[in-house]
Amino acid sequence: MLFVFGILDILSALVLFLLKFGLLSKLGLVVGIYLFVKGFFFLFGGDYLSLLDIFTGLFIFYVLISGNFLLIGHLFMVWLLQKGIFSLLG
């Protein structure tokens, strides 16, 4: 199961990168919902780092609504990418 979450986190980082350029907005909505729901699911399981998934999902919604990609978006991309890589390696 960690393998699937790792792949999805890496794909989420890629979608977030493409959202920076205004691409894949419909897929961005799906990724935002996925991260938001997954974050809440694991948060209630006691994983407090899942708050970053929730904030990343909210950031994606912000980008979709405003069209403005803030500097913190790069941190969210790195977070998702490293989390995905460590999930694949672990």
N, C-alpha and C. Protein backbone atom coordinates (compact mmCIF):
# COMPACT_ATOMS: atom_id res chain seq x y z
N MET A 1 0.82 -1.19 0.00
CA MET A 1 0.00 0.00 0.00
C MET A 1 0.86 1.26 0.00
N LEU A 2 2.02 1.20 0.68
CA LEU A 2 2.92 2.35 0.68
C LEU A 2 3.42 2.67 -0.72
N PHE A 3 3.58 1.63 -1.53
CA PHE A 3 4.03 1.83 -2.91
C PHE A 3 3.02 2.68 -3.68
N VAL A 4 1.74 2.40 -3.52
CA VAL A 4 0.69 3.15 -4.22
C VAL A 4 0.67 4.60 -3.75
N PHE A 5 0.75 4.80 -2.43
CA PHE A 5 0.77 6.17 -1.91
C PHE A 5 2.03 6.91 -2.37
N GLY A 6 3.14 6.21 -2.46
CA GLY A 6 4.37 6.83 -2.94
C GLY A 6 4.24 7.31 -4.38
N ILE A 7 3.69 6.47 -5.23
CA ILE A 7 3.48 6.85 -6.64
C ILE A 7 2.51 8.02 -6.73
N LEU A 8 1.42 7.98 -5.95
CA LEU A 8 0.43 9.06 -5.98
C LEU A 8 1.01 10.37 -5.46
N ASP A 9 1.90 10.31 -4.47
CA ASP A 9 2.53 11.54 -3.97
C ASP A 9 3.47 12.14 -5.02
N ILE A 10 4.21 11.29 -5.72
CA ILE A 10 5.10 11.80 -6.77
C ILE A 10 4.27 12.40 -7.91
N LEU A 11 3.20 11.74 -8.29
CA LEU A 11 2.32 12.29 -9.33
C LEU A 11 1.66 13.59 -8.86
N SER A 12 1.33 13.68 -7.58
CA SER A 12 0.75 14.91 -7.04
C SER A 12 1.75 16.05 -7.11
N ALA A 13 3.02 15.77 -6.84
CA ALA A 13 4.06 16.79 -6.95
C ALA A 13 4.19 17.26 -8.39
N LEU A 14 4.10 16.33 -9.33
CA LEU A 14 4.18 16.68 -10.75
C LEU A 14 3.00 17.54 -11.17
N VAL A 15 1.80 17.18 -10.72
CA VAL A 15 0.61 17.97 -11.04
C VAL A 15 0.72 19.37 -10.44
N LEU A 16 1.22 19.45 -9.21
CA LEU A 16 1.41 20.75 -8.57
C LEU A 16 2.40 21.60 -9.36
N PHE A 17 3.46 20.98 -9.86
CA PHE A 17 4.42 21.70 -10.70
C PHE A 17 3.75 22.22 -11.96
N LEU A 18 2.92 21.41 -12.59
CA LEU A 18 2.25 21.83 -13.82
C LEU A 18 1.18 22.89 -13.56
N LEU A 19 0.58 22.86 -12.37
CA LEU A 19 -0.39 23.90 -12.01
C LEU A 19 0.28 25.27 -11.94
N LYS A 20 1.56 25.28 -11.65
CA LYS A 20 2.31 26.54 -11.62
C LYS A 20 2.22 27.25 -12.96
N PHE A 21 2.11 26.48 -14.02
CA PHE A 21 2.05 27.04 -15.37
C PHE A 21 0.63 27.06 -15.92
N GLY A 22 -0.35 26.81 -15.06
CA GLY A 22 -1.75 26.86 -15.48
C GLY A 22 -2.21 25.62 -16.23
N LEU A 23 -1.51 24.52 -16.10
CA LEU A 23 -1.87 23.30 -16.82
C LEU A 23 -2.56 22.30 -15.89
N LEU A 24 -3.36 21.44 -16.44
CA LEU A 24 -4.01 20.33 -15.74
C LEU A 24 -4.89 20.76 -14.56
N SER A 25 -5.70 21.77 -14.76
CA SER A 25 -6.51 22.27 -13.65
C SER A 25 -7.56 21.25 -13.19
N LYS A 26 -8.14 20.49 -14.12
CA LYS A 26 -9.12 19.48 -13.70
C LYS A 26 -8.46 18.36 -12.90
N LEU A 27 -7.30 17.92 -13.34
CA LEU A 27 -6.57 16.91 -12.58
C LEU A 27 -6.08 17.49 -11.26
N GLY A 28 -5.75 18.78 -11.26
CA GLY A 28 -5.37 19.45 -10.03
C GLY A 28 -6.47 19.43 -9.00
N LEU A 29 -7.70 19.57 -9.44
CA LEU A 29 -8.85 19.49 -8.52
C LEU A 29 -8.94 18.10 -7.91
N VAL A 30 -8.76 17.07 -8.71
CA VAL A 30 -8.79 15.70 -8.21
C VAL A 30 -7.65 15.46 -7.21
N VAL A 31 -6.47 15.96 -7.52
CA VAL A 31 -5.32 15.79 -6.63
C VAL A 31 -5.54 16.55 -5.33
N GLY A 32 -6.10 17.75 -5.42
CA GLY A 32 -6.38 18.51 -4.21
C GLY A 32 -7.35 17.80 -3.29
N ILE A 33 -8.39 17.24 -3.87
CA ILE A 33 -9.37 16.48 -3.08
C ILE A 33 -8.71 15.24 -2.48
N TYR A 34 -7.90 14.54 -3.29
CA TYR A 34 -7.21 13.35 -2.81
C TYR A 34 -6.32 13.66 -1.61
N LEU A 35 -5.51 14.71 -1.72
CA LEU A 35 -4.59 15.05 -0.63
C LEU A 35 -5.35 15.49 0.61
N PHE A 36 -6.42 16.25 0.42
CA PHE A 36 -7.22 16.72 1.55
C PHE A 36 -7.85 15.56 2.30
N VAL A 37 -8.47 14.64 1.56
CA VAL A 37 -9.13 13.49 2.18
C VAL A 37 -8.11 12.55 2.82
N LYS A 38 -7.02 12.28 2.10
CA LYS A 38 -5.98 11.40 2.64
C LYS A 38 -5.37 12.00 3.91
N GLY A 39 -5.17 13.31 3.89
CA GLY A 39 -4.62 13.97 5.06
C GLY A 39 -5.51 13.83 6.28
N PHE A 40 -6.83 14.02 6.10
CA PHE A 40 -7.74 13.85 7.22
C PHE A 40 -7.80 12.40 7.69
N PHE A 41 -7.78 11.47 6.76
CA PHE A 41 -7.83 10.05 7.11
C PHE A 41 -6.65 9.67 8.00
N PHE A 42 -5.44 10.06 7.60
CA PHE A 42 -4.26 9.70 8.38
C PHE A 42 -4.10 10.58 9.62
N LEU A 43 -4.62 11.79 9.59
CA LEU A 43 -4.57 12.65 10.77
C LEU A 43 -5.34 12.03 11.93
N PHE A 44 -6.50 11.48 11.62
CA PHE A 44 -7.29 10.84 12.66
C PHE A 44 -6.67 9.53 13.12
N GLY A 45 -5.73 9.01 12.35
CA GLY A 45 -4.98 7.83 12.75
C GLY A 45 -3.77 8.18 13.62
N GLY A 46 -3.55 9.46 13.86
CA GLY A 46 -2.47 9.88 14.74
C GLY A 46 -1.23 10.41 14.04
N ASP A 47 -1.23 10.51 12.72
CA ASP A 47 -0.08 11.00 11.97
C ASP A 47 -0.23 12.51 11.76
N TYR A 48 0.44 13.28 12.61
CA TYR A 48 0.27 14.73 12.57
C TYR A 48 0.95 15.39 11.38
N LEU A 49 1.88 14.71 10.73
CA LEU A 49 2.47 15.26 9.51
C LEU A 49 1.48 15.27 8.35
N SER A 50 0.36 14.58 8.53
CA SER A 50 -0.68 14.61 7.50
C SER A 50 -1.32 15.98 7.39
N LEU A 51 -1.07 16.83 8.37
CA LEU A 51 -1.52 18.22 8.25
C LEU A 51 -0.91 18.89 7.02
N LEU A 52 0.31 18.49 6.68
CA LEU A 52 0.95 19.05 5.48
C LEU A 52 0.22 18.61 4.22
N ASP A 53 -0.31 17.40 4.19
CA ASP A 53 -1.12 16.96 3.05
C ASP A 53 -2.40 17.81 2.96
N ILE A 54 -3.01 18.08 4.11
CA ILE A 54 -4.23 18.90 4.13
C ILE A 54 -3.91 20.30 3.62
N PHE A 55 -2.82 20.89 4.11
CA PHE A 55 -2.44 22.23 3.67
C PHE A 55 -2.07 22.25 2.19
N THR A 56 -1.45 21.17 1.71
CA THR A 56 -1.12 21.09 0.28
C THR A 56 -2.39 21.04 -0.55
N GLY A 57 -3.37 20.24 -0.11
CA GLY A 57 -4.66 20.20 -0.81
C GLY A 57 -5.33 21.56 -0.82
N LEU A 58 -5.30 22.25 0.31
CA LEU A 58 -5.89 23.59 0.38
C LEU A 58 -5.13 24.57 -0.52
N PHE A 59 -3.82 24.41 -0.59
CA PHE A 59 -3.02 25.27 -1.47
C PHE A 59 -3.39 25.04 -2.94
N ILE A 60 -3.60 23.79 -3.30
CA ILE A 60 -4.01 23.50 -4.68
C ILE A 60 -5.35 24.16 -4.98
N PHE A 61 -6.28 24.10 -4.04
CA PHE A 61 -7.57 24.79 -4.24
C PHE A 61 -7.35 26.30 -4.40
N TYR A 62 -6.44 26.85 -3.60
CA TYR A 62 -6.12 28.28 -3.70
C TYR A 62 -5.58 28.62 -5.09
N VAL A 63 -4.67 27.80 -5.59
CA VAL A 63 -4.09 28.04 -6.91
C VAL A 63 -5.17 27.94 -7.99
N LEU A 64 -6.05 26.96 -7.86
CA LEU A 64 -7.10 26.80 -8.87
C LEU A 64 -8.07 27.98 -8.87
N ILE A 65 -8.36 28.51 -7.70
CA ILE A 65 -9.32 29.62 -7.61
C ILE A 65 -8.68 30.94 -8.01
N SER A 66 -7.47 31.20 -7.49
CA SER A 66 -6.86 32.51 -7.71
C SER A 66 -5.94 32.56 -8.93
N GLY A 67 -5.39 31.43 -9.32
CA GLY A 67 -4.42 31.42 -10.41
C GLY A 67 -3.05 31.93 -9.98
N ASN A 68 -2.86 32.12 -8.68
CA ASN A 68 -1.63 32.67 -8.13
C ASN A 68 -0.85 31.56 -7.43
N PHE A 69 0.36 31.28 -7.91
CA PHE A 69 1.20 30.24 -7.33
C PHE A 69 2.23 30.90 -6.43
N LEU A 70 2.10 30.70 -5.14
CA LEU A 70 2.99 31.33 -4.17
C LEU A 70 4.28 30.53 -4.00
N LEU A 71 5.26 31.16 -3.39
CA LEU A 71 6.56 30.53 -3.16
C LEU A 71 6.44 29.27 -2.31
N ILE A 72 5.51 29.24 -1.38
CA ILE A 72 5.35 28.07 -0.52
C ILE A 72 4.97 26.82 -1.33
N GLY A 73 4.44 27.03 -2.52
CA GLY A 73 4.10 25.91 -3.39
C GLY A 73 5.29 25.04 -3.73
N HIS A 74 6.47 25.66 -3.82
CA HIS A 74 7.69 24.90 -4.08
C HIS A 74 8.01 23.98 -2.90
N LEU A 75 7.76 24.46 -1.70
CA LEU A 75 7.98 23.62 -0.52
C LEU A 75 7.01 22.44 -0.51
N PHE A 76 5.76 22.69 -0.90
CA PHE A 76 4.79 21.60 -0.98
C PHE A 76 5.20 20.57 -2.02
N MET A 77 5.75 21.05 -3.15
CA MET A 77 6.21 20.12 -4.19
C MET A 77 7.34 19.24 -3.66
N VAL A 78 8.31 19.86 -2.99
CA VAL A 78 9.43 19.10 -2.43
C VAL A 78 8.94 18.13 -1.37
N TRP A 79 8.00 18.55 -0.53
CA TRP A 79 7.42 17.68 0.50
C TRP A 79 6.81 16.43 -0.14
N LEU A 80 5.97 16.63 -1.16
CA LEU A 80 5.31 15.49 -1.80
C LEU A 80 6.33 14.59 -2.50
N LEU A 81 7.28 15.19 -3.16
CA LEU A 81 8.29 14.41 -3.89
C LEU A 81 9.14 13.56 -2.94
N GLN A 82 9.64 14.17 -1.88
CA GLN A 82 10.47 13.40 -0.95
C GLN A 82 9.66 12.35 -0.21
N LYS A 83 8.41 12.66 0.11
CA LYS A 83 7.56 11.69 0.79
C LYS A 83 7.27 10.50 -0.13
N GLY A 84 7.04 10.79 -1.40
CA GLY A 84 6.81 9.72 -2.36
C GLY A 84 8.02 8.85 -2.56
N ILE A 85 9.19 9.47 -2.66
CA ILE A 85 10.42 8.70 -2.84
C ILE A 85 10.70 7.83 -1.64
N PHE A 86 10.55 8.39 -0.42
CA PHE A 86 10.79 7.58 0.78
C PHE A 86 9.77 6.46 0.94
N SER A 87 8.54 6.70 0.47
CA SER A 87 7.55 5.63 0.50
C SER A 87 7.93 4.48 -0.43
N LEU A 88 8.50 4.82 -1.57
CA LEU A 88 8.91 3.78 -2.51
C LEU A 88 10.13 3.03 -2.01
N LEU A 89 11.02 3.71 -1.30
CA LEU A 89 12.23 3.07 -0.81
C LEU A 89 12.01 2.28 0.46
N GLY A 90 10.97 2.66 1.22
CA GLY A 90 10.74 2.05 2.54
C GLY A 90 9.95 0.81 2.55
